[in-house]
Amino acid sequence: AAIARALRPAGVFHIGMKTGEGEHRDSIDRLYTY
């Protein structure tokens, strides 16, 4: 919602996420939301 408010009308948003379910830490202790 914050990104949508910050963009101009018709502004483009490009985003990548890992797919799956839940939240997990990887082997180097970084939190990922799937």
Full PDB file with SEQRES, HELIX, SHEET, SSBOND, CRYST1, ORIGX, SCALE, CONECT and MASTER records, all heavy atoms in Angstrom:
SEQRES   1 A   34  ALA ALA ILE ALA ARG ALA LEU ARG PRO ALA GLY VAL PHE          
SEQRES   2 A   34  HIS ILE GLY MET LYS THR GLY GLU GLY GLU HIS ARG ASP          
SEQRES   3 A   34  SER ILE ASP ARG LEU TYR THR TYR                              
HELIX    1 AA1 ALA A    2  ALA A    6  1                                   5    
SHEET    1 AA1 2 GLU A  23  ARG A  25  0                                        
SHEET    2 AA1 2 LEU A  31  THR A  33 -1                                        
CRYST1    1.000    1.000    1.000  90.00  90.00  90.00 P 1           1          
ORIGX1      1.000000  0.000000  0.000000        0.00000                         
ORIGX2      0.000000  1.000000  0.000000        0.00000                         
ORIGX3      0.000000  0.000000  1.000000        0.00000                         
SCALE1      1.000000  0.000000  0.000000        0.00000                         
SCALE2      0.000000  1.000000  0.000000        0.00000                         
SCALE3      0.000000  0.000000  1.000000        0.00000                         
ATOM      1  N   ALA A   1       0.836  -1.210   0.000  1.00  0.00           N  
ATOM      2  CA  ALA A   1       0.000   0.000   0.000  1.00  0.00           C  
ATOM      3  C   ALA A   1       0.867   1.254   0.000  1.00  0.00           C  
ATOM      4  O   ALA A   1       0.559   2.236  -0.682  1.00  0.00           O  
ATOM      5  CB  ALA A   1      -0.940  -0.019   1.199  1.00  0.00           C  
ATOM      6  N   ALA A   2       1.972   1.237   0.747  1.00  0.00           N  
ATOM      7  CA  ALA A   2       2.870   2.395   0.795  1.00  0.00           C  
ATOM      8  C   ALA A   2       3.523   2.632  -0.564  1.00  0.00           C  
ATOM      9  O   ALA A   2       3.664   3.781  -1.002  1.00  0.00           O  
ATOM     10  CB  ALA A   2       3.933   2.192   1.872  1.00  0.00           C  
ATOM     11  N   ILE A   3       3.900   1.567  -1.238  1.00  0.00           N  
ATOM     12  CA  ILE A   3       4.490   1.700  -2.568  1.00  0.00           C  
ATOM     13  C   ILE A   3       3.454   2.254  -3.537  1.00  0.00           C  
ATOM     14  O   ILE A   3       3.752   3.147  -4.340  1.00  0.00           O  
ATOM     15  CB  ILE A   3       5.062   0.353  -3.043  1.00  0.00           C  
ATOM     16  CG1 ILE A   3       6.294   0.005  -2.197  1.00  0.00           C  
ATOM     17  CG2 ILE A   3       5.401   0.386  -4.529  1.00  0.00           C  
ATOM     18  CD1 ILE A   3       6.744  -1.430  -2.316  1.00  0.00           C  
ATOM     19  N   ALA A   4       2.230   1.787  -3.457  1.00  0.00           N  
ATOM     20  CA  ALA A   4       1.168   2.295  -4.327  1.00  0.00           C  
ATOM     21  C   ALA A   4       0.946   3.791  -4.091  1.00  0.00           C  
ATOM     22  O   ALA A   4       0.783   4.557  -5.042  1.00  0.00           O  
ATOM     23  CB  ALA A   4      -0.125   1.522  -4.102  1.00  0.00           C  
ATOM     24  N   ARG A   5       0.962   4.207  -2.829  1.00  0.00           N  
ATOM     25  CA  ARG A   5       0.782   5.642  -2.529  1.00  0.00           C  
ATOM     26  C   ARG A   5       1.936   6.472  -3.087  1.00  0.00           C  
ATOM     27  O   ARG A   5       1.750   7.612  -3.501  1.00  0.00           O  
ATOM     28  CB  ARG A   5       0.665   5.866  -1.022  1.00  0.00           C  
ATOM     29  CG  ARG A   5      -0.681   5.517  -0.443  1.00  0.00           C  
ATOM     30  CD  ARG A   5      -0.852   6.022   0.987  1.00  0.00           C  
ATOM     31  NE  ARG A   5       0.204   5.584   1.895  1.00  0.00           N  
ATOM     32  CZ  ARG A   5       0.223   4.412   2.540  1.00  0.00           C  
ATOM     33  NH1 ARG A   5      -0.767   3.542   2.359  1.00  0.00           N  
ATOM     34  NH2 ARG A   5       1.216   4.106   3.341  1.00  0.00           N  
ATOM     35  N   ALA A   6       3.134   5.912  -3.094  1.00  0.00           N  
ATOM     36  CA  ALA A   6       4.314   6.654  -3.540  1.00  0.00           C  
ATOM     37  C   ALA A   6       4.392   6.781  -5.061  1.00  0.00           C  
ATOM     38  O   ALA A   6       5.026   7.716  -5.559  1.00  0.00           O  
ATOM     39  CB  ALA A   6       5.577   5.981  -3.018  1.00  0.00           C  
ATOM     40  N   LEU A   7       3.762   5.865  -5.773  1.00  0.00           N  
ATOM     41  CA  LEU A   7       3.817   5.896  -7.235  1.00  0.00           C  
ATOM     42  C   LEU A   7       2.799   6.867  -7.824  1.00  0.00           C  
ATOM     43  O   LEU A   7       1.718   7.062  -7.272  1.00  0.00           O  
ATOM     44  CB  LEU A   7       3.539   4.503  -7.804  1.00  0.00           C  
ATOM     45  CG  LEU A   7       4.669   3.491  -7.725  1.00  0.00           C  
ATOM     46  CD1 LEU A   7       4.171   2.127  -8.190  1.00  0.00           C  
ATOM     47  CD2 LEU A   7       5.851   3.929  -8.570  1.00  0.00           C  
ATOM     48  N   ARG A   8       3.141   7.424  -8.944  1.00  0.00           N  
ATOM     49  CA  ARG A   8       2.202   8.242  -9.710  1.00  0.00           C  
ATOM     50  C   ARG A   8       1.116   7.345 -10.283  1.00  0.00           C  
ATOM     51  O   ARG A   8       1.333   6.144 -10.451  1.00  0.00           O  
ATOM     52  CB  ARG A   8       2.920   8.929 -10.861  1.00  0.00           C  
ATOM     53  CG  ARG A   8       3.938   9.924 -10.427  1.00  0.00           C  
ATOM     54  CD  ARG A   8       4.604  10.514 -11.631  1.00  0.00           C  
ATOM     55  NE  ARG A   8       5.635  11.439 -11.193  1.00  0.00           N  
ATOM     56  CZ  ARG A   8       6.406  12.112 -11.999  1.00  0.00           C  
ATOM     57  NH1 ARG A   8       6.297  11.956 -13.300  1.00  0.00           N  
ATOM     58  NH2 ARG A   8       7.304  12.933 -11.525  1.00  0.00           N  
ATOM     59  N   PRO A   9      -0.037   7.910 -10.646  1.00  0.00           N  
ATOM     60  CA  PRO A   9      -1.048   7.106 -11.342  1.00  0.00           C  
ATOM     61  C   PRO A   9      -0.417   6.454 -12.576  1.00  0.00           C  
ATOM     62  O   PRO A   9       0.360   7.093 -13.294  1.00  0.00           O  
ATOM     63  CB  PRO A   9      -2.112   8.128 -11.727  1.00  0.00           C  
ATOM     64  CG  PRO A   9      -1.976   9.202 -10.692  1.00  0.00           C  
ATOM     65  CD  PRO A   9      -0.491   9.285 -10.401  1.00  0.00           C  
ATOM     66  N   ALA A  10      -0.711   5.199 -12.775  1.00  0.00           N  
ATOM     67  CA  ALA A  10      -0.186   4.382 -13.872  1.00  0.00           C  
ATOM     68  C   ALA A  10       1.305   4.067 -13.725  1.00  0.00           C  
ATOM     69  O   ALA A  10       1.925   3.567 -14.648  1.00  0.00           O  
ATOM     70  CB  ALA A  10      -0.477   5.003 -15.238  1.00  0.00           C  
ATOM     71  N   GLY A  11       1.891   4.368 -12.535  1.00  0.00           N  
ATOM     72  CA  GLY A  11       3.287   4.027 -12.283  1.00  0.00           C  
ATOM     73  C   GLY A  11       3.480   2.516 -12.278  1.00  0.00           C  
ATOM     74  O   GLY A  11       2.572   1.762 -11.942  1.00  0.00           O  
ATOM     75  N   VAL A  12       4.657   2.064 -12.664  1.00  0.00           N  
ATOM     76  CA  VAL A  12       4.944   0.631 -12.783  1.00  0.00           C  
ATOM     77  C   VAL A  12       5.809   0.176 -11.616  1.00  0.00           C  
ATOM     78  O   VAL A  12       6.763   0.843 -11.222  1.00  0.00           O  
ATOM     79  CB  VAL A  12       5.633   0.326 -14.127  1.00  0.00           C  
ATOM     80  CG1 VAL A  12       6.039  -1.134 -14.218  1.00  0.00           C  
ATOM     81  CG2 VAL A  12       4.707   0.690 -15.281  1.00  0.00           C  
ATOM     82  N   PHE A  13       5.458  -0.979 -11.078  1.00  0.00           N  
ATOM     83  CA  PHE A  13       6.143  -1.598  -9.947  1.00  0.00           C  
ATOM     84  C   PHE A  13       6.625  -2.971 -10.399  1.00  0.00           C  
ATOM     85  O   PHE A  13       5.861  -3.769 -10.934  1.00  0.00           O  
ATOM     86  CB  PHE A  13       5.142  -1.711  -8.784  1.00  0.00           C  
ATOM     87  CG  PHE A  13       5.666  -2.352  -7.536  1.00  0.00           C  
ATOM     88  CD1 PHE A  13       6.947  -2.126  -7.081  1.00  0.00           C  
ATOM     89  CD2 PHE A  13       4.831  -3.163  -6.794  1.00  0.00           C  
ATOM     90  CE1 PHE A  13       7.406  -2.705  -5.905  1.00  0.00           C  
ATOM     91  CE2 PHE A  13       5.273  -3.748  -5.610  1.00  0.00           C  
ATOM     92  CZ  PHE A  13       6.565  -3.518  -5.168  1.00  0.00           C  
ATOM     93  N   HIS A  14       7.905  -3.243 -10.192  1.00  0.00           N  
ATOM     94  CA  HIS A  14       8.523  -4.519 -10.575  1.00  0.00           C  
ATOM     95  C   HIS A  14       9.049  -5.159  -9.303  1.00  0.00           C  
ATOM     96  O   HIS A  14       9.834  -4.536  -8.572  1.00  0.00           O  
ATOM     97  CB  HIS A  14       9.669  -4.241 -11.555  1.00  0.00           C  
ATOM     98  CG  HIS A  14      10.388  -5.445 -12.033  1.00  0.00           C  
ATOM     99  ND1 HIS A  14      10.031  -6.104 -13.178  1.00  0.00           N  
ATOM    100  CD2 HIS A  14      11.444  -6.117 -11.521  1.00  0.00           C  
ATOM    101  CE1 HIS A  14      10.846  -7.123 -13.361  1.00  0.00           C  
ATOM    102  NE2 HIS A  14      11.716  -7.159 -12.369  1.00  0.00           N  
ATOM    103  N   ILE A  15       8.628  -6.385  -9.001  1.00  0.00           N  
ATOM    104  CA  ILE A  15       9.020  -7.026  -7.754  1.00  0.00           C  
ATOM    105  C   ILE A  15       9.197  -8.526  -7.956  1.00  0.00           C  
ATOM    106  O   ILE A  15       8.472  -9.149  -8.726  1.00  0.00           O  
ATOM    107  CB  ILE A  15       7.987  -6.750  -6.634  1.00  0.00           C  
ATOM    108  CG1 ILE A  15       8.434  -7.373  -5.310  1.00  0.00           C  
ATOM    109  CG2 ILE A  15       6.588  -7.157  -7.042  1.00  0.00           C  
ATOM    110  CD1 ILE A  15       7.602  -6.967  -4.106  1.00  0.00           C  
ATOM    111  N   GLY A  16      10.165  -9.082  -7.248  1.00  0.00           N  
ATOM    112  CA  GLY A  16      10.402 -10.515  -7.247  1.00  0.00           C  
ATOM    113  C   GLY A  16      10.331 -11.055  -5.830  1.00  0.00           C  
ATOM    114  O   GLY A  16      10.781 -10.400  -4.895  1.00  0.00           O  
ATOM    115  N   MET A  17       9.751 -12.231  -5.687  1.00  0.00           N  
ATOM    116  CA  MET A  17       9.638 -12.907  -4.392  1.00  0.00           C  
ATOM    117  C   MET A  17       9.927 -14.394  -4.597  1.00  0.00           C  
ATOM    118  O   MET A  17       9.699 -14.928  -5.674  1.00  0.00           O  
ATOM    119  CB  MET A  17       8.230 -12.765  -3.816  1.00  0.00           C  
ATOM    120  CG  MET A  17       7.781 -11.348  -3.513  1.00  0.00           C  
ATOM    121  SD  MET A  17       8.522 -10.615  -2.063  1.00  0.00           S  
ATOM    122  CE  MET A  17       7.691 -11.527  -0.752  1.00  0.00           C  
ATOM    123  N   LYS A  18      10.379 -15.046  -3.532  1.00  0.00           N  
ATOM    124  CA  LYS A  18      10.512 -16.502  -3.580  1.00  0.00           C  
ATOM    125  C   LYS A  18       9.123 -17.102  -3.412  1.00  0.00           C  
ATOM    126  O   LYS A  18       8.306 -16.589  -2.659  1.00  0.00           O  
ATOM    127  CB  LYS A  18      11.439 -16.999  -2.485  1.00  0.00           C  
ATOM    128  CG  LYS A  18      12.893 -16.611  -2.742  1.00  0.00           C  
ATOM    129  CD  LYS A  18      13.826 -17.291  -1.799  1.00  0.00           C  
ATOM    130  CE  LYS A  18      15.260 -16.903  -2.117  1.00  0.00           C  
ATOM    131  NZ  LYS A  18      16.223 -17.750  -1.424  1.00  0.00           N  
ATOM    132  N   THR A  19       8.865 -18.196  -4.117  1.00  0.00           N  
ATOM    133  CA  THR A  19       7.554 -18.817  -4.019  1.00  0.00           C  
ATOM    134  C   THR A  19       7.583 -19.996  -3.050  1.00  0.00           C  
ATOM    135  O   THR A  19       8.600 -20.652  -2.872  1.00  0.00           O  
ATOM    136  CB  THR A  19       7.037 -19.283  -5.392  1.00  0.00           C  
ATOM    137  OG1 THR A  19       7.995 -20.124  -6.011  1.00  0.00           O  
ATOM    138  CG2 THR A  19       6.740 -18.092  -6.291  1.00  0.00           C  
ATOM    139  N   GLY A  20       6.446 -20.179  -2.437  1.00  0.00           N  
ATOM    140  CA  GLY A  20       6.271 -21.221  -1.431  1.00  0.00           C  
ATOM    141  C   GLY A  20       5.297 -20.708  -0.397  1.00  0.00           C  
ATOM    142  O   GLY A  20       4.465 -19.844  -0.684  1.00  0.00           O  
ATOM    143  N   GLU A  21       5.434 -21.198   0.822  1.00  0.00           N  
ATOM    144  CA  GLU A  21       4.537 -20.763   1.899  1.00  0.00           C  
ATOM    145  C   GLU A  21       5.330 -20.550   3.177  1.00  0.00           C  
ATOM    146  O   GLU A  21       6.299 -21.256   3.439  1.00  0.00           O  
ATOM    147  CB  GLU A  21       3.446 -21.794   2.123  1.00  0.00           C  
ATOM    148  CG  GLU A  21       2.511 -21.926   0.936  1.00  0.00           C  
ATOM    149  CD  GLU A  21       1.343 -22.846   1.208  1.00  0.00           C  
ATOM    150  OE1 GLU A  21       1.151 -23.265   2.360  1.00  0.00           O  
ATOM    151  OE2 GLU A  21       0.616 -23.148   0.245  1.00  0.00           O  
ATOM    152  N   GLY A  22       4.911 -19.571   3.943  1.00  0.00           N  
ATOM    153  CA  GLY A  22       5.495 -19.337   5.258  1.00  0.00           C  
ATOM    154  C   GLY A  22       6.705 -18.425   5.230  1.00  0.00           C  
ATOM    155  O   GLY A  22       6.995 -17.754   4.245  1.00  0.00           O  
ATOM    156  N   GLU A  23       7.391 -18.399   6.359  1.00  0.00           N  
ATOM    157  CA  GLU A  23       8.617 -17.629   6.540  1.00  0.00           C  
ATOM    158  C   GLU A  23       9.685 -18.590   7.057  1.00  0.00           C  
ATOM    159  O   GLU A  23       9.405 -19.416   7.917  1.00  0.00           O  
ATOM    160  CB  GLU A  23       8.415 -16.517   7.566  1.00  0.00           C  
ATOM    161  CG  GLU A  23       7.407 -15.476   7.183  1.00  0.00           C  
ATOM    162  CD  GLU A  23       7.167 -14.457   8.308  1.00  0.00           C  
ATOM    163  OE1 GLU A  23       7.545 -14.725   9.457  1.00  0.00           O  
ATOM    164  OE2 GLU A  23       6.594 -13.411   8.008  1.00  0.00           O  
ATOM    165  N   HIS A  24      10.881 -18.451   6.513  1.00  0.00           N  
ATOM    166  CA  HIS A  24      11.969 -19.332   6.937  1.00  0.00           C  
ATOM    167  C   HIS A  24      13.284 -18.579   6.844  1.00  0.00           C  
ATOM    168  O   HIS A  24      13.425 -17.670   6.034  1.00  0.00           O  
ATOM    169  CB  HIS A  24      12.052 -20.576   6.053  1.00  0.00           C  
ATOM    170  CG  HIS A  24      10.769 -21.327   5.937  1.00  0.00           C  
ATOM    171  ND1 HIS A  24      10.287 -22.130   6.935  1.00  0.00           N  
ATOM    172  CD2 HIS A  24       9.840 -21.371   4.948  1.00  0.00           C  
ATOM    173  CE1 HIS A  24       9.129 -22.649   6.558  1.00  0.00           C  
ATOM    174  NE2 HIS A  24       8.834 -22.187   5.357  1.00  0.00           N  
ATOM    175  N   ARG A  25      14.241 -18.989   7.649  1.00  0.00           N  
ATOM    176  CA  ARG A  25      15.600 -18.455   7.546  1.00  0.00           C  
ATOM    177  C   ARG A  25      16.433 -19.411   6.706  1.00  0.00           C  
ATOM    178  O   ARG A  25      16.290 -20.618   6.810  1.00  0.00           O  
ATOM    179  CB  ARG A  25      16.213 -18.280   8.929  1.00  0.00           C  
ATOM    180  CG  ARG A  25      15.502 -17.173   9.702  1.00  0.00           C  
ATOM    181  CD  ARG A  25      16.347 -16.638  10.832  1.00  0.00           C  
ATOM    182  NE  ARG A  25      15.681 -15.482  11.407  1.00  0.00           N  
ATOM    183  CZ  ARG A  25      15.893 -14.225  11.033  1.00  0.00           C  
ATOM    184  NH1 ARG A  25      16.785 -13.964  10.094  1.00  0.00           N  
ATOM    185  NH2 ARG A  25      15.252 -13.234  11.600  1.00  0.00           N  
ATOM    186  N   ASP A  26      17.306 -18.839   5.871  1.00  0.00           N  
ATOM    187  CA  ASP A  26      18.174 -19.684   5.058  1.00  0.00           C  
ATOM    188  C   ASP A  26      19.414 -20.077   5.859  1.00  0.00           C  
ATOM    189  O   ASP A  26      19.538 -19.736   7.041  1.00  0.00           O  
ATOM    190  CB  ASP A  26      18.507 -19.007   3.726  1.00  0.00           C  
ATOM    191  CG  ASP A  26      19.360 -17.752   3.858  1.00  0.00           C  
ATOM    192  OD1 ASP A  26      19.886 -17.471   4.966  1.00  0.00           O  
ATOM    193  OD2 ASP A  26      19.522 -17.050   2.842  1.00  0.00           O  
ATOM    194  N   SER A  27      20.344 -20.765   5.218  1.00  0.00           N  
ATOM    195  CA  SER A  27      21.526 -21.273   5.924  1.00  0.00           C  
ATOM    196  C   SER A  27      22.465 -20.170   6.389  1.00  0.00           C  
ATOM    197  O   SER A  27      23.347 -20.427   7.220  1.00  0.00           O  
ATOM    198  CB  SER A  27      22.282 -22.263   5.029  1.00  0.00           C  
ATOM    199  OG  SER A  27      22.779 -21.595   3.878  1.00  0.00           O  
ATOM    200  N   ILE A  28      22.286 -18.948   5.881  1.00  0.00           N  
ATOM    201  CA  ILE A  28      23.103 -17.830   6.370  1.00  0.00           C  
ATOM    202  C   ILE A  28      22.254 -16.851   7.184  1.00  0.00           C  
ATOM    203  O   ILE A  28      22.591 -15.688   7.328  1.00  0.00           O  
ATOM    204  CB  ILE A  28      23.890 -17.147   5.230  1.00  0.00           C  
ATOM    205  CG1 ILE A  28      23.003 -16.728   4.069  1.00  0.00           C  
ATOM    206  CG2 ILE A  28      24.990 -18.062   4.733  1.00  0.00           C  
ATOM    207  CD1 ILE A  28      23.734 -16.018   2.934  1.00  0.00           C  
ATOM    208  N   ASP A  29      21.145 -17.384   7.719  1.00  0.00           N  
ATOM    209  CA  ASP A  29      20.277 -16.725   8.701  1.00  0.00           C  
ATOM    210  C   ASP A  29      19.498 -15.519   8.191  1.00  0.00           C  
ATOM    211  O   ASP A  29      19.104 -14.652   8.952  1.00  0.00           O  
ATOM    212  CB  ASP A  29      21.073 -16.347   9.962  1.00  0.00           C  
ATOM    213  CG  ASP A  29      20.171 -16.224  11.176  1.00  0.00           C  
ATOM    214  OD1 ASP A  29      19.189 -16.984  11.276  1.00  0.00           O  
ATOM    215  OD2 ASP A  29      20.430 -15.341  12.024  1.00  0.00           O  
ATOM    216  N   ARG A  30      19.237 -15.458   6.884  1.00  0.00           N  
ATOM    217  CA  ARG A  30      18.397 -14.380   6.356  1.00  0.00           C  
ATOM    218  C   ARG A  30      16.949 -14.851   6.346  1.00  0.00           C  
ATOM    219  O   ARG A  30      16.654 -15.964   5.907  1.00  0.00           O  
ATOM    220  CB  ARG A  30      18.819 -13.998   4.939  1.00  0.00           C  
ATOM    221  CG  ARG A  30      20.203 -13.388   4.893  1.00  0.00           C  
ATOM    222  CD  ARG A  30      20.654 -13.141   3.491  1.00  0.00           C  
ATOM    223  NE  ARG A  30      20.579 -14.398   2.751  1.00  0.00           N  
ATOM    224  CZ  ARG A  30      20.703 -14.497   1.438  1.00  0.00           C  
ATOM    225  NH1 ARG A  30      20.906 -13.440   0.711  1.00  0.00           N  
ATOM    226  NH2 ARG A  30      20.634 -15.672   0.838  1.00  0.00           N  
ATOM    227  N   LEU A  31      16.052 -13.985   6.813  1.00  0.00           N  
ATOM    228  CA  LEU A  31      14.624 -14.288   6.817  1.00  0.00           C  
ATOM    229  C   LEU A  31      14.064 -14.109   5.414  1.00  0.00           C  
ATOM    230  O   LEU A  31      14.318 -13.095   4.758  1.00  0.00           O  
ATOM    231  CB  LEU A  31      13.867 -13.363   7.773  1.00  0.00           C  
ATOM    232  CG  LEU A  31      12.341 -13.519   7.760  1.00  0.00           C  
ATOM    233  CD1 LEU A  31      11.939 -14.847   8.390  1.00  0.00           C  
ATOM    234  CD2 LEU A  31      11.685 -12.357   8.472  1.00  0.00           C  
ATOM    235  N   TYR A  32      13.291 -15.098   4.969  1.00  0.00           N  
ATOM    236  CA  TYR A  32      12.577 -15.002   3.701  1.00  0.00           C  
ATOM    237  C   TYR A  32      11.100 -15.240   3.946  1.00  0.00           C  
ATOM    238  O   TYR A  32      10.721 -16.119   4.708  1.00  0.00           O  
ATOM    239  CB  TYR A  32      13.071 -16.046   2.683  1.00  0.00           C  
ATOM    240  CG  TYR A  32      14.363 -15.653   2.036  1.00  0.00           C  
ATOM    241  CD1 TYR A  32      15.567 -16.116   2.539  1.00  0.00           C  
ATOM    242  CD2 TYR A  32      14.373 -14.812   0.936  1.00  0.00           C  
ATOM    243  CE1 TYR A  32      16.762 -15.743   1.946  1.00  0.00           C  
ATOM    244  CE2 TYR A  32      15.560 -14.435   0.340  1.00  0.00           C  
ATOM    245  CZ  TYR A  32      16.753 -14.906   0.851  1.00  0.00           C  
ATOM    246  OH  TYR A  32      17.927 -14.536   0.269  1.00  0.00           O  
ATOM    247  N   THR A  33      10.281 -14.446   3.290  1.00  0.00           N  
ATOM    248  CA  THR A  33       8.845 -14.663   3.256  1.00  0.00           C  
ATOM    249  C   THR A  33       8.525 -15.227   1.885  1.00  0.00           C  
ATOM    250  O   THR A  33       8.921 -14.662   0.858  1.00  0.00           O  
ATOM    251  CB  THR A  33       8.086 -13.348   3.491  1.00  0.00           C  
ATOM    252  OG1 THR A  33       8.328 -12.929   4.821  1.00  0.00           O  
ATOM    253  CG2 THR A  33       6.597 -13.524   3.278  1.00  0.00           C  
ATOM    254  N   TYR A  34       7.846 -16.355   1.857  1.00  0.00           N  
ATOM    255  CA  TYR A  34       7.487 -17.026   0.616  1.00  0.00           C  
ATOM    256  C   TYR A  34       6.029 -16.740   0.303  1.00  0.00           C  
ATOM    257  O   TYR A  34       5.198 -16.615   1.205  1.00  0.00           O  
ATOM    258  CB  TYR A  34       7.715 -18.539   0.759  1.00  0.00           C  
ATOM    259  CG  TYR A  34       9.159 -18.870   1.026  1.00  0.00           C  
ATOM    260  CD1 TYR A  34       9.654 -18.890   2.326  1.00  0.00           C  
ATOM    261  CD2 TYR A  34      10.036 -19.136  -0.014  1.00  0.00           C  
ATOM    262  CE1 TYR A  34      10.990 -19.176   2.582  1.00  0.00           C  
ATOM    263  CE2 TYR A  34      11.361 -19.423   0.232  1.00  0.00           C  
ATOM    264  CZ  TYR A  34      11.834 -19.438   1.533  1.00  0.00           C  
ATOM    265  OH  TYR A  34      13.150 -19.712   1.778  1.00  0.00           O  
TER     266      TYR A  34                                                      
MASTER        0    0    0    1    2    0    0    6  265    1    0    3          
END                                                                             
